[in-house]
Amino acid sequence: MVVDAEEYTEKAVAEGVVVPSLDPAGRAKFISAAVLGGALTHLLGEEPDPRRSMAGWLEQMTLPALELYTQGLLADSTMLDAYLTYMKDPPEGGVDRV
């Protein structure tokens, strides 16, 4: 599933729909874990019908997910820049070269 997610996002990068990543495999793992974890947590809730449960989860999560992935979360790159500064082997060129 993670490999598929990486392939889909890299295709979207090539098409100009998704921005490139310093770590495409890591991004695919993060997105997969976040979505699957959220879905699983919701499925373990009070709704006994899995289809209704997933429909409810999608209704609740679609707008926040699209907003987060479209507009971002952090106001600037301060945290990312600091992280890259202290990585043992940061990507060549840093963030601006992506």
PDB file of N, CA and C in Angstrom:
ATOM      1  N   MET A   1       0.816  -1.183   0.000  1.00  0.00           N
ATOM      2  CA  MET A   1       0.000   0.000   0.000  1.00  0.00           C
ATOM      3  C   MET A   1       0.873   1.265   0.000  1.00  0.00           C
ATOM      4  N   VAL A   2       1.927   1.237   0.786  1.00  0.00           N
ATOM      5  CA  VAL A   2       2.822   2.395   0.842  1.00  0.00           C
ATOM      6  C   VAL A   2       3.537   2.585  -0.493  1.00  0.00           C
ATOM      7  N   VAL A   3       3.952   1.487  -1.110  1.00  0.00           N
ATOM      8  CA  VAL A   3       4.607   1.563  -2.417  1.00  0.00           C
ATOM      9  C   VAL A   3       3.644   2.172  -3.436  1.00  0.00           C
ATOM     10  N   ASP A   4       2.386   1.741  -3.411  1.00  0.00           N
ATOM     11  CA  ASP A   4       1.382   2.319  -4.302  1.00  0.00           C
ATOM     12  C   ASP A   4       1.231   3.818  -4.047  1.00  0.00           C
ATOM     13  N   ALA A   5       1.178   4.204  -2.773  1.00  0.00           N
ATOM     14  CA  ALA A   5       1.040   5.623  -2.429  1.00  0.00           C
ATOM     15  C   ALA A   5       2.219   6.428  -2.959  1.00  0.00           C
ATOM     16  N   GLU A   6       3.409   5.866  -2.854  1.00  0.00           N
ATOM     17  CA  GLU A   6       4.582   6.562  -3.381  1.00  0.00           C
ATOM     18  C   GLU A   6       4.487   6.708  -4.905  1.00  0.00           C
ATOM     19  N   GLU A   7       4.056   5.647  -5.573  1.00  0.00           N
ATOM     20  CA  GLU A   7       3.907   5.708  -7.026  1.00  0.00           C
ATOM     21  C   GLU A   7       2.864   6.743  -7.428  1.00  0.00           C
ATOM     22  N   TYR A   8       1.723   6.773  -6.726  1.00  0.00           N
ATOM     23  CA  TYR A   8       0.670   7.740  -7.047  1.00  0.00           C
ATOM     24  C   TYR A   8       1.161   9.170  -6.833  1.00  0.00           C
ATOM     25  N   THR A   9       1.852   9.404  -5.718  1.00  0.00           N
ATOM     26  CA  THR A   9       2.298  10.774  -5.454  1.00  0.00           C
ATOM     27  C   THR A   9       3.395  11.190  -6.419  1.00  0.00           C
ATOM     28  N   GLU A  10       4.280  10.284  -6.787  1.00  0.00           N
ATOM     29  CA  GLU A  10       5.323  10.636  -7.753  1.00  0.00           C
ATOM     30  C   GLU A  10       4.722  10.922  -9.131  1.00  0.00           C
ATOM     31  N   LYS A  11       3.689  10.190  -9.504  1.00  0.00           N
ATOM     32  CA  LYS A  11       2.991  10.479 -10.765  1.00  0.00           C
ATOM     33  C   LYS A  11       2.350  11.861 -10.677  1.00  0.00           C
ATOM     34  N   ALA A  12       1.750  12.162  -9.539  1.00  0.00           N
ATOM     35  CA  ALA A  12       1.137  13.474  -9.350  1.00  0.00           C
ATOM     36  C   ALA A  12       2.185  14.590  -9.369  1.00  0.00           C
ATOM     37  N   VAL A  13       3.379  14.307  -8.856  1.00  0.00           N
ATOM     38  CA  VAL A  13       4.475  15.280  -8.932  1.00  0.00           C
ATOM     39  C   VAL A  13       4.825  15.541 -10.392  1.00  0.00           C
ATOM     40  N   ALA A  14       4.965  14.470 -11.152  1.00  0.00           N
ATOM     41  CA  ALA A  14       5.310  14.600 -12.570  1.00  0.00           C
ATOM     42  C   ALA A  14       4.249  15.383 -13.339  1.00  0.00           C
ATOM     43  N   GLU A  15       2.987  15.268 -12.909  1.00  0.00           N
ATOM     44  CA  GLU A  15       1.888  15.978 -13.570  1.00  0.00           C
ATOM     45  C   GLU A  15       1.707  17.396 -13.042  1.00  0.00           C
ATOM     46  N   GLY A  16       2.487  17.774 -12.012  1.00  0.00           N
ATOM     47  CA  GLY A  16       2.392  19.119 -11.460  1.00  0.00           C
ATOM     48  C   GLY A  16       1.259  19.327 -10.479  1.00  0.00           C
ATOM     49  N   VAL A  17       0.647  18.240 -10.007  1.00  0.00           N
ATOM     50  CA  VAL A  17      -0.473  18.326  -9.075  1.00  0.00           C
ATOM     51  C   VAL A  17       0.018  18.341  -7.626  1.00  0.00           C
ATOM     52  N   VAL A  18       1.140  17.687  -7.369  1.00  0.00           N
ATOM     53  CA  VAL A  18       1.718  17.564  -6.033  1.00  0.00           C
ATOM     54  C   VAL A  18       3.136  18.122  -6.078  1.00  0.00           C
ATOM     55  N   VAL A  19       3.520  18.817  -5.013  1.00  0.00           N
ATOM     56  CA  VAL A  19       4.872  19.367  -4.959  1.00  0.00           C
ATOM     57  C   VAL A  19       5.880  18.255  -4.681  1.00  0.00           C
ATOM     58  N   PRO A  20       7.104  18.385  -5.194  1.00  0.00           N
ATOM     59  CA  PRO A  20       8.133  17.376  -4.928  1.00  0.00           C
ATOM     60  C   PRO A  20       8.453  17.287  -3.434  1.00  0.00           C
ATOM     61  N   SER A  21       9.015  16.157  -3.045  1.00  0.00           N
ATOM     62  CA  SER A  21       9.374  15.914  -1.653  1.00  0.00           C
ATOM     63  C   SER A  21      10.866  15.638  -1.537  1.00  0.00           C
ATOM     64  N   LEU A  22      11.449  16.038  -0.399  1.00  0.00           N
ATOM     65  CA  LEU A  22      12.838  15.675  -0.112  1.00  0.00           C
ATOM     66  C   LEU A  22      12.949  14.178   0.146  1.00  0.00           C
ATOM     67  N   ASP A  23      11.852  13.552   0.551  1.00  0.00           N
ATOM     68  CA  ASP A  23      11.828  12.128   0.899  1.00  0.00           C
ATOM     69  C   ASP A  23      10.513  11.514   0.428  1.00  0.00           C
ATOM     70  N   PRO A  24      10.395  11.209  -0.877  1.00  0.00           N
ATOM     71  CA  PRO A  24       9.131  10.679  -1.401  1.00  0.00           C
ATOM     72  C   PRO A  24       8.652   9.413  -0.689  1.00  0.00           C
ATOM     73  N   ALA A  25       9.559   8.504  -0.380  1.00  0.00           N
ATOM     74  CA  ALA A  25       9.164   7.271   0.303  1.00  0.00           C
ATOM     75  C   ALA A  25       8.659   7.572   1.712  1.00  0.00           C
ATOM     76  N   GLY A  26       9.344   8.455   2.412  1.00  0.00           N
ATOM     77  CA  GLY A  26       8.916   8.844   3.755  1.00  0.00           C
ATOM     78  C   GLY A  26       7.573   9.545   3.744  1.00  0.00           C
ATOM     79  N   ARG A  27       7.362  10.402   2.745  1.00  0.00           N
ATOM     80  CA  ARG A  27       6.074  11.093   2.643  1.00  0.00           C
ATOM     81  C   ARG A  27       4.956  10.074   2.416  1.00  0.00           C
ATOM     82  N   ALA A  28       5.182   9.112   1.547  1.00  0.00           N
ATOM     83  CA  ALA A  28       4.166   8.089   1.277  1.00  0.00           C
ATOM     84  C   ALA A  28       3.865   7.287   2.542  1.00  0.00           C
ATOM     85  N   LYS A  29       4.893   6.946   3.314  1.00  0.00           N
ATOM     86  CA  LYS A  29       4.682   6.219   4.569  1.00  0.00           C
ATOM     87  C   LYS A  29       3.878   7.053   5.549  1.00  0.00           C
ATOM     88  N   PHE A  30       4.215   8.347   5.660  1.00  0.00           N
ATOM     89  CA  PHE A  30       3.510   9.222   6.595  1.00  0.00           C
ATOM     90  C   PHE A  30       2.042   9.357   6.219  1.00  0.00           C
ATOM     91  N   ILE A  31       1.768   9.634   4.948  1.00  0.00           N
ATOM     92  CA  ILE A  31       0.385   9.797   4.507  1.00  0.00           C
ATOM     93  C   ILE A  31      -0.397   8.500   4.732  1.00  0.00           C
ATOM     94  N   SER A  32       0.194   7.375   4.376  1.00  0.00           N
ATOM     95  CA  SER A  32      -0.481   6.087   4.568  1.00  0.00           C
ATOM     96  C   SER A  32      -0.780   5.837   6.039  1.00  0.00           C
ATOM     97  N   ALA A  33       0.198   6.069   6.890  1.00  0.00           N
ATOM     98  CA  ALA A  33       0.006   5.839   8.324  1.00  0.00           C
ATOM     99  C   ALA A  33      -1.051   6.772   8.896  1.00  0.00           C
ATOM    100  N   ALA A  34      -1.017   8.034   8.494  1.00  0.00           N
ATOM    101  CA  ALA A  34      -1.984   9.002   9.013  1.00  0.00           C
ATOM    102  C   ALA A  34      -3.409   8.635   8.598  1.00  0.00           C
ATOM    103  N   VAL A  35      -3.589   8.306   7.337  1.00  0.00           N
ATOM    104  CA  VAL A  35      -4.927   7.982   6.848  1.00  0.00           C
ATOM    105  C   VAL A  35      -5.415   6.656   7.431  1.00  0.00           C
ATOM    106  N   LEU A  36      -4.563   5.641   7.393  1.00  0.00           N
ATOM    107  CA  LEU A  36      -4.989   4.337   7.917  1.00  0.00           C
ATOM    108  C   LEU A  36      -5.228   4.385   9.423  1.00  0.00           C
ATOM    109  N   GLY A  37      -4.381   5.096  10.133  1.00  0.00           N
ATOM    110  CA  GLY A  37      -4.564   5.224  11.579  1.00  0.00           C
ATOM    111  C   GLY A  37      -5.858   5.940  11.924  1.00  0.00           C
ATOM    112  N   GLY A  38      -6.129   7.024  11.206  1.00  0.00           N
ATOM    113  CA  GLY A  38      -7.370   7.757  11.438  1.00  0.00           C
ATOM    114  C   GLY A  38      -8.595   6.928  11.108  1.00  0.00           C
ATOM    115  N   ALA A  39      -8.540   6.213   9.993  1.00  0.00           N
ATOM    116  CA  ALA A  39      -9.672   5.379   9.589  1.00  0.00           C
ATOM    117  C   ALA A  39      -9.900   4.251  10.597  1.00  0.00           C
ATOM    118  N   LEU A  40      -8.827   3.614  11.022  1.00  0.00           N
ATOM    119  CA  LEU A  40      -8.949   2.516  11.983  1.00  0.00           C
ATOM    120  C   LEU A  40      -9.519   3.017  13.308  1.00  0.00           C
ATOM    121  N   THR A  41      -9.023   4.138  13.773  1.00  0.00           N
ATOM    122  CA  THR A  41      -9.526   4.716  15.018  1.00  0.00           C
ATOM    123  C   THR A  41     -11.018   4.998  14.910  1.00  0.00           C
ATOM    124  N   HIS A  42     -11.427   5.530  13.768  1.00  0.00           N
ATOM    125  CA  HIS A  42     -12.842   5.830  13.572  1.00  0.00           C
ATOM    126  C   HIS A  42     -13.672   4.546  13.501  1.00  0.00           C
ATOM    127  N   LEU A  43     -13.150   3.532  12.828  1.00  0.00           N
ATOM    128  CA  LEU A  43     -13.876   2.264  12.716  1.00  0.00           C
ATOM    129  C   LEU A  43     -14.087   1.594  14.075  1.00  0.00           C
ATOM    130  N   LEU A  44     -13.215   1.870  15.016  1.00  0.00           N
ATOM    131  CA  LEU A  44     -13.336   1.285  16.352  1.00  0.00           C
ATOM    132  C   LEU A  44     -14.278   2.078  17.250  1.00  0.00           C
ATOM    133  N   GLY A  45     -14.921   3.095  16.680  1.00  0.00           N
ATOM    134  CA  GLY A  45     -15.840   3.941  17.441  1.00  0.00           C
ATOM    135  C   GLY A  45     -17.179   3.284  17.689  1.00  0.00           C
ATOM    136  N   GLU A  46     -18.184   4.110  17.871  1.00  0.00           N
ATOM    137  CA  GLU A  46     -19.507   3.639  18.287  1.00  0.00           C
ATOM    138  C   GLU A  46     -20.375   3.108  17.152  1.00  0.00           C
ATOM    139  N   GLU A  47     -20.100   3.484  15.904  1.00  0.00           N
ATOM    140  CA  GLU A  47     -20.930   3.051  14.769  1.00  0.00           C
ATOM    141  C   GLU A  47     -20.619   1.605  14.422  1.00  0.00           C
ATOM    142  N   PRO A  48     -21.589   0.674  14.565  1.00  0.00           N
ATOM    143  CA  PRO A  48     -21.321  -0.740  14.293  1.00  0.00           C
ATOM    144  C   PRO A  48     -21.227  -1.089  12.805  1.00  0.00           C
ATOM    145  N   ASP A  49     -21.828  -0.295  11.929  1.00  0.00           N
ATOM    146  CA  ASP A  49     -21.809  -0.575  10.495  1.00  0.00           C
ATOM    147  C   ASP A  49     -20.554   0.048   9.883  1.00  0.00           C
ATOM    148  N   PRO A  50     -19.596  -0.769   9.398  1.00  0.00           N
ATOM    149  CA  PRO A  50     -18.344  -0.228   8.872  1.00  0.00           C
ATOM    150  C   PRO A  50     -18.529   0.742   7.707  1.00  0.00           C
ATOM    151  N   ARG A  51     -19.508   0.483   6.846  1.00  0.00           N
ATOM    152  CA  ARG A  51     -19.730   1.395   5.710  1.00  0.00           C
ATOM    153  C   ARG A  51     -20.213   2.760   6.185  1.00  0.00           C
ATOM    154  N   ARG A  52     -21.129   2.763   7.122  1.00  0.00           N
ATOM    155  CA  ARG A  52     -21.617   4.048   7.666  1.00  0.00           C
ATOM    156  C   ARG A  52     -20.508   4.737   8.442  1.00  0.00           C
ATOM    157  N   SER A  53     -19.720   3.955   9.143  1.00  0.00           N
ATOM    158  CA  SER A  53     -18.614   4.524   9.902  1.00  0.00           C
ATOM    159  C   SER A  53     -17.620   5.221   8.982  1.00  0.00           C
ATOM    160  N   MET A  54     -17.244   4.549   7.895  1.00  0.00           N
ATOM    161  CA  MET A  54     -16.280   5.143   6.953  1.00  0.00           C
ATOM    162  C   MET A  54     -16.879   6.353   6.245  1.00  0.00           C
ATOM    163  N   ALA A  55     -18.164   6.292   5.917  1.00  0.00           N
ATOM    164  CA  ALA A  55     -18.823   7.436   5.286  1.00  0.00           C
ATOM    165  C   ALA A  55     -18.797   8.634   6.228  1.00  0.00           C
ATOM    166  N   GLY A  56     -19.057   8.384   7.501  1.00  0.00           N
ATOM    167  CA  GLY A  56     -19.001   9.462   8.495  1.00  0.00           C
ATOM    168  C   GLY A  56     -17.600  10.025   8.645  1.00  0.00           C
ATOM    169  N   TRP A  57     -16.618   9.142   8.641  1.00  0.00           N
ATOM    170  CA  TRP A  57     -15.228   9.578   8.758  1.00  0.00           C
ATOM    171  C   TRP A  57     -14.834  10.437   7.561  1.00  0.00           C
ATOM    172  N   LEU A  58     -15.186   9.991   6.364  1.00  0.00           N
ATOM    173  CA  LEU A  58     -14.864  10.767   5.164  1.00  0.00           C
ATOM    174  C   LEU A  58     -15.542  12.128   5.196  1.00  0.00           C
ATOM    175  N   GLU A  59     -16.774  12.167   5.658  1.00  0.00           N
ATOM    176  CA  GLU A  59     -17.495  13.438   5.745  1.00  0.00           C
ATOM    177  C   GLU A  59     -16.790  14.394   6.707  1.00  0.00           C
ATOM    178  N   GLN A  60     -16.293  13.862   7.804  1.00  0.00           N
ATOM    179  CA  GLN A  60     -15.628  14.698   8.806  1.00  0.00           C
ATOM    180  C   GLN A  60     -14.214  15.101   8.393  1.00  0.00           C
ATOM    181  N   MET A  61     -13.507  14.260   7.654  1.00  0.00           N
ATOM    182  CA  MET A  61     -12.088  14.471   7.396  1.00  0.00           C
ATOM    183  C   MET A  61     -11.750  15.103   6.045  1.00  0.00           C
ATOM    184  N   THR A  62     -12.655  15.073   5.087  1.00  0.00           N
ATOM    185  CA  THR A  62     -12.299  15.538   3.746  1.00  0.00           C
ATOM    186  C   THR A  62     -11.918  17.003   3.721  1.00  0.00           C
ATOM    187  N   LEU A  63     -12.728  17.884   4.274  1.00  0.00           N
ATOM    188  CA  LEU A  63     -12.397  19.319   4.251  1.00  0.00           C
ATOM    189  C   LEU A  63     -11.091  19.614   4.992  1.00  0.00           C
ATOM    190  N   PRO A  64     -10.905  19.137   6.227  1.00  0.00           N
ATOM    191  CA  PRO A  64      -9.640  19.422   6.905  1.00  0.00           C
ATOM    192  C   PRO A  64      -8.422  18.852   6.162  1.00  0.00           C
ATOM    193  N   ALA A  65      -8.575  17.665   5.569  1.00  0.00           N
ATOM    194  CA  ALA A  65      -7.449  17.067   4.836  1.00  0.00           C
ATOM    195  C   ALA A  65      -7.113  17.886   3.600  1.00  0.00           C
ATOM    196  N   LEU A  66      -8.120  18.254   2.832  1.00  0.00           N
ATOM    197  CA  LEU A  66      -7.864  19.058   1.633  1.00  0.00           C
ATOM    198  C   LEU A  66      -7.261  20.407   1.993  1.00  0.00           C
ATOM    199  N   GLU A  67      -7.759  21.019   3.049  1.00  0.00           N
ATOM    200  CA  GLU A  67      -7.214  22.298   3.495  1.00  0.00           C
ATOM    201  C   GLU A  67      -5.747  22.153   3.903  1.00  0.00           C
ATOM    202  N   LEU A  68      -5.453  21.131   4.693  1.00  0.00           N
ATOM    203  CA  LEU A  68      -4.088  20.909   5.153  1.00  0.00           C
ATOM    204  C   LEU A  68      -3.148  20.633   3.990  1.00  0.00           C
ATOM    205  N   TYR A  69      -3.554  19.740   3.094  1.00  0.00           N
ATOM    206  CA  TYR A  69      -2.678  19.377   1.984  1.00  0.00           C
ATOM    207  C   TYR A  69      -2.596  20.472   0.926  1.00  0.00           C
ATOM    208  N   THR A  70      -3.594  21.342   0.823  1.00  0.00           N
ATOM    209  CA  THR A  70      -3.571  22.413  -0.164  1.00  0.00           C
ATOM    210  C   THR A  70      -2.882  23.663   0.369  1.00  0.00           C
ATOM    211  N   GLN A  71      -3.237  24.072   1.573  1.00  0.00           N
ATOM    212  CA  GLN A  71      -2.732  25.326   2.120  1.00  0.00           C
ATOM    213  C   GLN A  71      -1.555  25.143   3.065  1.00  0.00           C
ATOM    214  N   GLY A  72      -1.324  23.936   3.513  1.00  0.00           N
ATOM    215  CA  GLY A  72      -0.251  23.696   4.464  1.00  0.00           C
ATOM    216  C   GLY A  72      -0.704  23.953   5.884  1.00  0.00           C
ATOM    217  N   LEU A  73       0.199  23.765   6.830  1.00  0.00           N
ATOM    218  CA  LEU A  73      -0.118  23.944   8.241  1.00  0.00           C
ATOM    219  C   LEU A  73       0.770  25.007   8.876  1.00  0.00           C
ATOM    220  N   LEU A  74       2.050  24.909   8.636  1.00  0.00           N
ATOM    221  CA  LEU A  74       2.991  25.836   9.261  1.00  0.00           C
ATOM    222  C   LEU A  74       3.076  27.124   8.449  1.00  0.00           C
ATOM    223  N   ALA A  75       3.246  28.240   9.167  1.00  0.00           N
ATOM    224  CA  ALA A  75       3.255  29.553   8.519  1.00  0.00           C
ATOM    225  C   ALA A  75       4.545  29.824   7.745  1.00  0.00           C
ATOM    226  N   ASP A  76       5.624  29.163   8.124  1.00  0.00           N
ATOM    227  CA  ASP A  76       6.885  29.343   7.407  1.00  0.00           C
ATOM    228  C   ASP A  76       7.731  28.082   7.546  1.00  0.00           C
ATOM    229  N   SER A  77       8.933  28.108   6.995  1.00  0.00           N
ATOM    230  CA  SER A  77       9.773  26.905   6.969  1.00  0.00           C
ATOM    231  C   SER A  77      10.761  26.817   8.130  1.00  0.00           C
ATOM    232  N   THR A  78      10.584  27.603   9.185  1.00  0.00           N
ATOM    233  CA  THR A  78      11.531  27.637  10.296  1.00  0.00           C
ATOM    234  C   THR A  78      11.807  26.253  10.877  1.00  0.00           C
ATOM    235  N   MET A  79      10.761  25.485  11.146  1.00  0.00           N
ATOM    236  CA  MET A  79      10.956  24.164  11.762  1.00  0.00           C
ATOM    237  C   MET A  79      11.653  23.207  10.805  1.00  0.00           C
ATOM    238  N   LEU A  80      11.263  23.206   9.544  1.00  0.00           N
ATOM    239  CA  LEU A  80      11.902  22.342   8.556  1.00  0.00           C
ATOM    240  C   LEU A  80      13.358  22.734   8.362  1.00  0.00           C
ATOM    241  N   ASP A  81      13.633  24.025   8.256  1.00  0.00           N
ATOM    242  CA  ASP A  81      15.009  24.490   8.085  1.00  0.00           C
ATOM    243  C   ASP A  81      15.885  24.057   9.259  1.00  0.00           C
ATOM    244  N   ALA A  82      15.357  24.194  10.467  1.00  0.00           N
ATOM    245  CA  ALA A  82      16.112  23.785  11.658  1.00  0.00           C
ATOM    246  C   ALA A  82      16.362  22.283  11.651  1.00  0.00           C
ATOM    247  N   TYR A  83      15.355  21.510  11.287  1.00  0.00           N
ATOM    248  CA  TYR A  83      15.509  20.051  11.224  1.00  0.00           C
ATOM    249  C   TYR A  83      16.585  19.680  10.208  1.00  0.00           C
ATOM    250  N   LEU A  84      16.518  20.265   9.025  1.00  0.00           N
ATOM    251  CA  LEU A  84      17.503  19.958   7.982  1.00  0.00           C
ATOM    252  C   LEU A  84      18.914  20.357   8.405  1.00  0.00           C
ATOM    253  N   THR A  85      19.032  21.429   9.157  1.00  0.00           N
ATOM    254  CA  THR A  85      20.334  21.882   9.637  1.00  0.00           C
ATOM    255  C   THR A  85      20.980  20.835  10.535  1.00  0.00           C
ATOM    256  N   TYR A  86      20.181  20.156  11.340  1.00  0.00           N
ATOM    257  CA  TYR A  86      20.727  19.212  12.311  1.00  0.00           C
ATOM    258  C   TYR A  86      20.664  17.751  11.874  1.00  0.00           C
ATOM    259  N   MET A  87      20.200  17.487  10.668  1.00  0.00           N
ATOM    260  CA  MET A  87      20.214  16.120  10.146  1.00  0.00           C
ATOM    261  C   MET A  87      21.655  15.696   9.906  1.00  0.00           C
ATOM    262  N   LYS A  88      21.950  14.419  10.077  1.00  0.00           N
ATOM    263  CA  LYS A  88      23.300  13.922   9.814  1.00  0.00           C
ATOM    264  C   LYS A  88      23.663  14.047   8.350  1.00  0.00           C
ATOM    265  N   ASP A  89      22.706  13.781   7.470  1.00  0.00           N
ATOM    266  CA  ASP A  89      22.978  13.794   6.035  1.00  0.00           C
ATOM    267  C   ASP A  89      21.814  14.475   5.308  1.00  0.00           C
ATOM    268  N   PRO A  90      21.737  15.821   5.389  1.00  0.00           N
ATOM    269  CA  PRO A  90      20.605  16.504   4.764  1.00  0.00           C
ATOM    270  C   PRO A  90      20.654  16.395   3.236  1.00  0.00           C
ATOM    271  N   PRO A  91      19.504  16.467   2.601  1.00  0.00           N
ATOM    272  CA  PRO A  91      19.473  16.429   1.143  1.00  0.00           C
ATOM    273  C   PRO A  91      20.304  17.571   0.564  1.00  0.00           C
ATOM    274  N   GLU A  92      21.000  17.283  -0.503  1.00  0.00           N
ATOM    275  CA  GLU A  92      21.858  18.289  -1.128  1.00  0.00           C
ATOM    276  C   GLU A  92      21.018  19.467  -1.596  1.00  0.00           C
ATOM    277  N   GLY A  93      21.434  20.663  -1.259  1.00  0.00           N
ATOM    278  CA  GLY A  93      20.731  21.857  -1.686  1.00  0.00           C
ATOM    279  C   GLY A  93      19.635  22.321  -0.763  1.00  0.00           C
ATOM    280  N   GLY A  94      19.250  21.498   0.195  1.00  0.00           N
ATOM    281  CA  GLY A  94      18.212  21.905   1.147  1.00  0.00           C
ATOM    282  C   GLY A  94      16.830  21.994   0.527  1.00  0.00           C
ATOM    283  N   VAL A  95      15.948  22.675   1.204  1.00  0.00           N
ATOM    284  CA  VAL A  95      14.544  22.744   0.839  1.00  0.00           C
ATOM    285  C   VAL A  95      14.331  23.503  -0.479  1.00  0.00           C
ATOM    286  N   ASP A  96      15.061  24.572  -0.693  1.00  0.00           N
ATOM    287  CA  ASP A  96      14.811  25.418  -1.857  1.00  0.00           C
ATOM    288  C   ASP A  96      15.121  24.730  -3.179  1.00  0.00           C
ATOM    289  N   ARG A  97      15.829  23.613  -3.146  1.00  0.00           N
ATOM    290  CA  ARG A  97      16.207  22.917  -4.373  1.00  0.00           C
ATOM    291  C   ARG A  97      15.216  21.859  -4.802  1.00  0.00           C
ATOM    292  N   VAL A  98      14.178  21.652  -4.010  1.00  0.00           N
ATOM    293  CA  VAL A  98      13.203  20.614  -4.333  1.00  0.00           C
ATOM    294  C   VAL A  98      12.380  21.028  -5.515  1.00  0.00           C
TER     295      VAL A  98
END
